[in-house]
Amino acid sequence: MYEPRKHHPLAWPQFLRRAVRHLLFAFCVLGGAVGLGTAGYRLAGRLPWVDAFLNASMILSGMGPVDRMTSTGAKLFSAFYALFSGLVFIAVMGVVLAPWIHRIIHWVNWEEREPKS
């Protein structure tokens, strides 16, 4: 997916396109995760759509739930969605930061191999 060590680092326009693609992919993952959470809170917690979206968004952002879940099924969904959200956060950060970290590492390694005058 990325250029090998022996190639020049990408020019800035190509690199920025790569970073934007990663960002768009991350937004799609976040949209799917909040959609899943919204549907789960709507069905398991029997919340109105807006409240279900609010709870899913708050859990996914790490802020915590807003509404108290009363049934066992809703509590289980809430617990598993919180665990899922933590993993989604880590994965999304990895996807967003990957091109930047690769660019820095590639640039450092490239600098070491250039001939000195």
N, C-alpha and C. Protein backbone atom coordinates (compact mmCIF):
# COMPACT_ATOMS: atom_id res chain seq x y z
N MET A 1 0.81 -1.18 0.00
CA MET A 1 0.00 0.00 0.00
C MET A 1 0.86 1.26 0.00
N TYR A 2 1.92 1.25 0.78
CA TYR A 2 2.81 2.40 0.84
C TYR A 2 4.05 2.13 0.01
N GLU A 3 4.77 3.20 -0.31
CA GLU A 3 5.99 3.05 -1.10
C GLU A 3 7.08 2.37 -0.27
N PRO A 4 7.90 1.53 -0.93
CA PRO A 4 8.97 0.84 -0.19
C PRO A 4 10.09 1.81 0.23
N ARG A 5 10.96 1.32 1.07
CA ARG A 5 12.05 2.14 1.62
C ARG A 5 12.95 2.73 0.55
N LYS A 6 13.15 2.00 -0.53
CA LYS A 6 14.11 2.45 -1.54
C LYS A 6 13.57 3.53 -2.47
N HIS A 7 12.28 3.79 -2.41
CA HIS A 7 11.68 4.83 -3.24
C HIS A 7 11.65 6.16 -2.49
N HIS A 8 11.62 7.24 -3.28
CA HIS A 8 11.47 8.57 -2.68
C HIS A 8 10.13 8.64 -1.95
N PRO A 9 10.08 9.44 -0.89
CA PRO A 9 8.76 9.68 -0.27
C PRO A 9 7.83 10.34 -1.29
N LEU A 10 6.54 10.11 -1.12
CA LEU A 10 5.57 10.70 -2.04
C LEU A 10 5.65 12.22 -2.01
N ALA A 11 5.34 12.83 -3.15
CA ALA A 11 5.22 14.28 -3.20
C ALA A 11 4.01 14.69 -2.35
N TRP A 12 4.02 15.91 -1.86
CA TRP A 12 2.97 16.37 -0.96
C TRP A 12 1.56 16.22 -1.52
N PRO A 13 1.30 16.56 -2.79
CA PRO A 13 -0.09 16.38 -3.27
C PRO A 13 -0.56 14.93 -3.20
N GLN A 14 0.28 13.97 -3.59
CA GLN A 14 -0.11 12.56 -3.51
C GLN A 14 -0.24 12.12 -2.05
N PHE A 15 0.65 12.59 -1.21
CA PHE A 15 0.58 12.22 0.20
C PHE A 15 -0.70 12.76 0.84
N LEU A 16 -1.05 14.00 0.55
CA LEU A 16 -2.27 14.56 1.13
C LEU A 16 -3.51 13.83 0.63
N ARG A 17 -3.50 13.39 -0.63
CA ARG A 17 -4.62 12.58 -1.12
C ARG A 17 -4.72 11.28 -0.33
N ARG A 18 -3.57 10.66 -0.06
CA ARG A 18 -3.56 9.43 0.75
C ARG A 18 -4.11 9.69 2.14
N ALA A 19 -3.67 10.77 2.78
CA ALA A 19 -4.13 11.10 4.13
C ALA A 19 -5.64 11.38 4.13
N VAL A 20 -6.14 12.05 3.11
CA VAL A 20 -7.58 12.33 3.02
C VAL A 20 -8.36 11.03 2.82
N ARG A 21 -7.84 10.10 2.02
CA ARG A 21 -8.51 8.80 1.84
C ARG A 21 -8.61 8.06 3.17
N HIS A 22 -7.54 8.09 3.94
CA HIS A 22 -7.55 7.45 5.26
C HIS A 22 -8.57 8.12 6.17
N LEU A 23 -8.64 9.45 6.12
CA LEU A 23 -9.59 10.18 6.93
C LEU A 23 -11.03 9.86 6.53
N LEU A 24 -11.30 9.77 5.24
CA LEU A 24 -12.64 9.42 4.77
C LEU A 24 -13.02 8.01 5.19
N PHE A 25 -12.07 7.09 5.12
CA PHE A 25 -12.33 5.72 5.57
C PHE A 25 -12.65 5.72 7.07
N ALA A 26 -11.91 6.51 7.84
CA ALA A 26 -12.15 6.59 9.29
C ALA A 26 -13.54 7.15 9.57
N PHE A 27 -13.97 8.16 8.81
CA PHE A 27 -15.31 8.70 8.99
C PHE A 27 -16.38 7.67 8.65
N CYS A 28 -16.14 6.86 7.64
CA CYS A 28 -17.09 5.79 7.30
C CYS A 28 -17.19 4.77 8.43
N VAL A 29 -16.06 4.39 9.01
CA VAL A 29 -16.07 3.45 10.14
C VAL A 29 -16.82 4.06 11.32
N LEU A 30 -16.56 5.34 11.61
CA LEU A 30 -17.26 6.00 12.70
C LEU A 30 -18.76 6.09 12.43
N GLY A 31 -19.12 6.39 11.19
CA GLY A 31 -20.54 6.44 10.84
C GLY A 31 -21.22 5.10 11.02
N GLY A 32 -20.54 4.03 10.61
CA GLY A 32 -21.10 2.69 10.81
C GLY A 32 -21.22 2.33 12.28
N ALA A 33 -20.21 2.71 13.05
CA ALA A 33 -20.24 2.40 14.48
C ALA A 33 -21.34 3.17 15.20
N VAL A 34 -21.51 4.44 14.86
CA VAL A 34 -22.57 5.21 15.53
C VAL A 34 -23.94 4.76 15.03
N GLY A 35 -24.04 4.32 13.78
CA GLY A 35 -25.30 3.76 13.28
C GLY A 35 -25.67 2.48 13.99
N LEU A 36 -24.69 1.62 14.19
CA LEU A 36 -24.91 0.37 14.93
C LEU A 36 -25.34 0.66 16.37
N GLY A 37 -24.66 1.60 17.00
CA GLY A 37 -25.01 1.96 18.37
C GLY A 37 -26.38 2.59 18.47
N THR A 38 -26.72 3.45 17.52
CA THR A 38 -28.03 4.09 17.52
C THR A 38 -29.13 3.04 17.39
N ALA A 39 -28.95 2.12 16.45
CA ALA A 39 -29.95 1.05 16.27
C ALA A 39 -30.04 0.18 17.52
N GLY A 40 -28.90 -0.12 18.13
CA GLY A 40 -28.90 -0.95 19.33
C GLY A 40 -29.59 -0.28 20.50
N TYR A 41 -29.29 0.99 20.72
CA TYR A 41 -29.95 1.70 21.81
C TYR A 41 -31.43 1.88 21.53
N ARG A 42 -31.79 2.03 20.27
CA ARG A 42 -33.21 2.17 19.91
C ARG A 42 -33.96 0.87 20.20
N LEU A 43 -33.36 -0.26 19.80
CA LEU A 43 -34.03 -1.55 19.95
C LEU A 43 -33.90 -2.11 21.37
N ALA A 44 -32.67 -2.15 21.89
CA ALA A 44 -32.46 -2.76 23.20
C ALA A 44 -32.90 -1.84 24.34
N GLY A 45 -32.61 -0.55 24.21
CA GLY A 45 -32.93 0.38 25.28
C GLY A 45 -34.27 1.04 25.14
N ARG A 46 -34.93 0.79 24.01
CA ARG A 46 -36.24 1.38 23.73
C ARG A 46 -36.23 2.90 23.88
N LEU A 47 -35.17 3.52 23.35
CA LEU A 47 -35.04 4.97 23.41
C LEU A 47 -35.54 5.59 22.11
N PRO A 48 -35.99 6.83 22.16
CA PRO A 48 -36.31 7.53 20.90
C PRO A 48 -35.04 7.68 20.06
N TRP A 49 -35.20 7.89 18.76
CA TRP A 49 -34.06 7.93 17.85
C TRP A 49 -33.00 8.95 18.27
N VAL A 50 -33.44 10.13 18.63
CA VAL A 50 -32.47 11.18 19.00
C VAL A 50 -31.71 10.80 20.26
N ASP A 51 -32.41 10.25 21.24
CA ASP A 51 -31.73 9.83 22.47
C ASP A 51 -30.80 8.64 22.21
N ALA A 52 -31.20 7.74 21.33
CA ALA A 52 -30.35 6.61 20.98
C ALA A 52 -29.08 7.10 20.28
N PHE A 53 -29.23 8.07 19.38
CA PHE A 53 -28.07 8.65 18.70
C PHE A 53 -27.17 9.37 19.70
N LEU A 54 -27.76 10.10 20.63
CA LEU A 54 -26.98 10.80 21.65
C LEU A 54 -26.17 9.81 22.49
N ASN A 55 -26.79 8.74 22.94
CA ASN A 55 -26.08 7.74 23.74
C ASN A 55 -24.96 7.08 22.94
N ALA A 56 -25.25 6.70 21.71
CA ALA A 56 -24.22 6.06 20.88
C ALA A 56 -23.05 7.01 20.64
N SER A 57 -23.35 8.27 20.37
CA SER A 57 -22.29 9.25 20.14
C SER A 57 -21.45 9.49 21.38
N MET A 58 -22.11 9.57 22.52
CA MET A 58 -21.39 9.83 23.76
C MET A 58 -20.50 8.65 24.14
N ILE A 59 -20.99 7.44 23.96
CA ILE A 59 -20.18 6.25 24.25
C ILE A 59 -19.00 6.19 23.28
N LEU A 60 -19.27 6.41 22.01
CA LEU A 60 -18.21 6.30 20.99
C LEU A 60 -17.14 7.37 21.19
N SER A 61 -17.51 8.52 21.71
CA SER A 61 -16.52 9.57 21.93
C SER A 61 -15.80 9.43 23.26
N GLY A 62 -16.22 8.46 24.07
CA GLY A 62 -15.56 8.23 25.34
C GLY A 62 -16.12 9.04 26.49
N MET A 63 -17.22 9.74 26.27
CA MET A 63 -17.80 10.59 27.31
C MET A 63 -18.67 9.81 28.30
N GLY A 64 -19.22 8.70 27.86
CA GLY A 64 -20.06 7.90 28.75
C GLY A 64 -21.52 8.02 28.39
N PRO A 65 -22.34 7.11 28.93
CA PRO A 65 -23.76 7.10 28.56
C PRO A 65 -24.52 8.27 29.18
N VAL A 66 -25.65 8.60 28.56
CA VAL A 66 -26.51 9.67 29.05
C VAL A 66 -27.69 9.07 29.80
N ASP A 67 -28.35 8.10 29.16
CA ASP A 67 -29.54 7.49 29.74
C ASP A 67 -29.19 6.20 30.47
N ARG A 68 -29.92 5.93 31.52
CA ARG A 68 -29.72 4.71 32.29
C ARG A 68 -30.49 3.57 31.62
N MET A 69 -29.82 2.46 31.42
CA MET A 69 -30.46 1.27 30.85
C MET A 69 -31.06 0.46 31.99
N THR A 70 -32.31 0.03 31.82
CA THR A 70 -32.98 -0.67 32.92
C THR A 70 -33.10 -2.17 32.69
N SER A 71 -33.27 -2.61 31.46
CA SER A 71 -33.43 -4.05 31.21
C SER A 71 -32.07 -4.73 31.09
N THR A 72 -32.06 -6.02 31.30
CA THR A 72 -30.81 -6.79 31.21
C THR A 72 -30.24 -6.74 29.80
N GLY A 73 -31.10 -6.88 28.81
CA GLY A 73 -30.64 -6.82 27.42
C GLY A 73 -30.02 -5.48 27.07
N ALA A 74 -30.64 -4.41 27.53
CA ALA A 74 -30.11 -3.08 27.26
C ALA A 74 -28.77 -2.87 27.97
N LYS A 75 -28.65 -3.37 29.18
CA LYS A 75 -27.40 -3.26 29.91
C LYS A 75 -26.28 -4.04 29.22
N LEU A 76 -26.61 -5.24 28.76
CA LEU A 76 -25.61 -6.04 28.05
C LEU A 76 -25.19 -5.36 26.75
N PHE A 77 -26.17 -4.85 25.99
CA PHE A 77 -25.82 -4.14 24.76
C PHE A 77 -24.93 -2.94 25.07
N SER A 78 -25.29 -2.18 26.09
CA SER A 78 -24.52 -1.00 26.45
C SER A 78 -23.08 -1.36 26.82
N ALA A 79 -22.91 -2.45 27.56
CA ALA A 79 -21.57 -2.88 27.96
C ALA A 79 -20.75 -3.32 26.75
N PHE A 80 -21.34 -4.14 25.88
CA PHE A 80 -20.60 -4.61 24.71
C PHE A 80 -20.33 -3.47 23.72
N TYR A 81 -21.27 -2.54 23.61
CA TYR A 81 -21.05 -1.40 22.71
C TYR A 81 -19.93 -0.51 23.24
N ALA A 82 -19.82 -0.38 24.56
CA ALA A 82 -18.73 0.41 25.13
C ALA A 82 -17.37 -0.25 24.84
N LEU A 83 -17.30 -1.58 24.97
CA LEU A 83 -16.05 -2.28 24.63
C LEU A 83 -15.73 -2.14 23.14
N PHE A 84 -16.75 -2.32 22.31
CA PHE A 84 -16.59 -2.16 20.87
C PHE A 84 -16.11 -0.75 20.53
N SER A 85 -16.67 0.25 21.19
CA SER A 85 -16.31 1.65 20.91
C SER A 85 -14.85 1.93 21.25
N GLY A 86 -14.36 1.33 22.31
CA GLY A 86 -12.94 1.50 22.65
C GLY A 86 -12.04 0.95 21.56
N LEU A 87 -12.39 -0.20 21.01
CA LEU A 87 -11.60 -0.78 19.93
C LEU A 87 -11.72 0.05 18.65
N VAL A 88 -12.91 0.57 18.38
CA VAL A 88 -13.10 1.41 17.20
C VAL A 88 -12.24 2.66 17.32
N PHE A 89 -12.19 3.26 18.50
CA PHE A 89 -11.36 4.45 18.71
C PHE A 89 -9.90 4.16 18.39
N ILE A 90 -9.38 3.06 18.91
CA ILE A 90 -7.98 2.69 18.66
C ILE A 90 -7.75 2.45 17.17
N ALA A 91 -8.66 1.73 16.53
CA ALA A 91 -8.50 1.42 15.10
C ALA A 91 -8.57 2.68 14.25
N VAL A 92 -9.51 3.56 14.55
CA VAL A 92 -9.64 4.80 13.77
C VAL A 92 -8.41 5.67 13.93
N MET A 93 -7.89 5.77 15.13
CA MET A 93 -6.67 6.56 15.33
C MET A 93 -5.50 5.96 14.57
N GLY A 94 -5.41 4.64 14.53
CA GLY A 94 -4.36 3.98 13.75
C GLY A 94 -4.49 4.28 12.27
N VAL A 95 -5.71 4.24 11.75
CA VAL A 95 -5.93 4.51 10.33
C VAL A 95 -5.61 5.96 9.99
N VAL A 96 -6.00 6.89 10.85
CA VAL A 96 -5.77 8.31 10.58
C VAL A 96 -4.29 8.66 10.70
N LEU A 97 -3.61 8.10 11.69
CA LEU A 97 -2.21 8.45 11.92
C LEU A 97 -1.22 7.66 11.06
N ALA A 98 -1.64 6.53 10.49
CA ALA A 98 -0.72 5.67 9.74
C ALA A 98 0.03 6.40 8.62
N PRO A 99 -0.61 7.15 7.74
CA PRO A 99 0.15 7.80 6.68
C PRO A 99 1.16 8.81 7.22
N TRP A 100 0.80 9.51 8.29
CA TRP A 100 1.71 10.51 8.85
C TRP A 100 2.92 9.85 9.51
N ILE A 101 2.68 8.79 10.26
CA ILE A 101 3.79 8.09 10.91
C ILE A 101 4.68 7.45 9.86
N HIS A 102 4.08 6.86 8.83
CA HIS A 102 4.87 6.26 7.76
C HIS A 102 5.72 7.33 7.07
N ARG A 103 5.14 8.48 6.84
CA ARG A 103 5.87 9.57 6.17
C ARG A 103 7.07 9.99 7.01
N ILE A 104 6.90 10.13 8.30
CA ILE A 104 8.01 10.54 9.17
C ILE A 104 9.09 9.47 9.17
N ILE A 105 8.70 8.21 9.33
CA ILE A 105 9.69 7.13 9.36
C ILE A 105 10.39 7.03 8.01
N HIS A 106 9.65 7.13 6.92
CA HIS A 106 10.25 7.06 5.59
C HIS A 106 11.21 8.22 5.37
N TRP A 107 10.82 9.41 5.79
CA TRP A 107 11.67 10.59 5.61
C TRP A 107 12.97 10.45 6.43
N VAL A 108 12.87 9.95 7.66
CA VAL A 108 14.07 9.77 8.49
C VAL A 108 15.00 8.74 7.85
N ASN A 109 14.45 7.62 7.40
CA ASN A 109 15.29 6.59 6.77
C ASN A 109 15.86 7.08 5.45
N TRP A 110 15.12 7.88 4.70
CA TRP A 110 15.61 8.39 3.43
C TRP A 110 16.76 9.35 3.66
N GLU A 111 16.67 10.19 4.67
CA GLU A 111 17.73 11.14 4.97
C GLU A 111 19.04 10.43 5.29
N GLU A 112 18.97 9.29 5.93
CA GLU A 112 20.17 8.56 6.30
C GLU A 112 20.91 7.99 5.10
N ARG A 113 20.22 7.69 4.00
CA ARG A 113 20.85 7.05 2.86
C ARG A 113 21.33 8.03 1.80
N GLU A 114 20.97 9.30 1.89
CA GLU A 114 21.43 10.26 0.89
C GLU A 114 22.94 10.45 1.01
N PRO A 115 23.62 10.52 -0.15
CA PRO A 115 25.09 10.72 -0.10
C PRO A 115 25.42 12.09 0.46
N LYS A 116 26.49 12.12 1.26
CA LYS A 116 26.94 13.39 1.84
C LYS A 116 28.04 13.98 0.98
N SER A 117 28.02 15.32 0.81
CA SER A 117 29.03 15.96 -0.05
C SER A 117 30.26 16.30 0.72
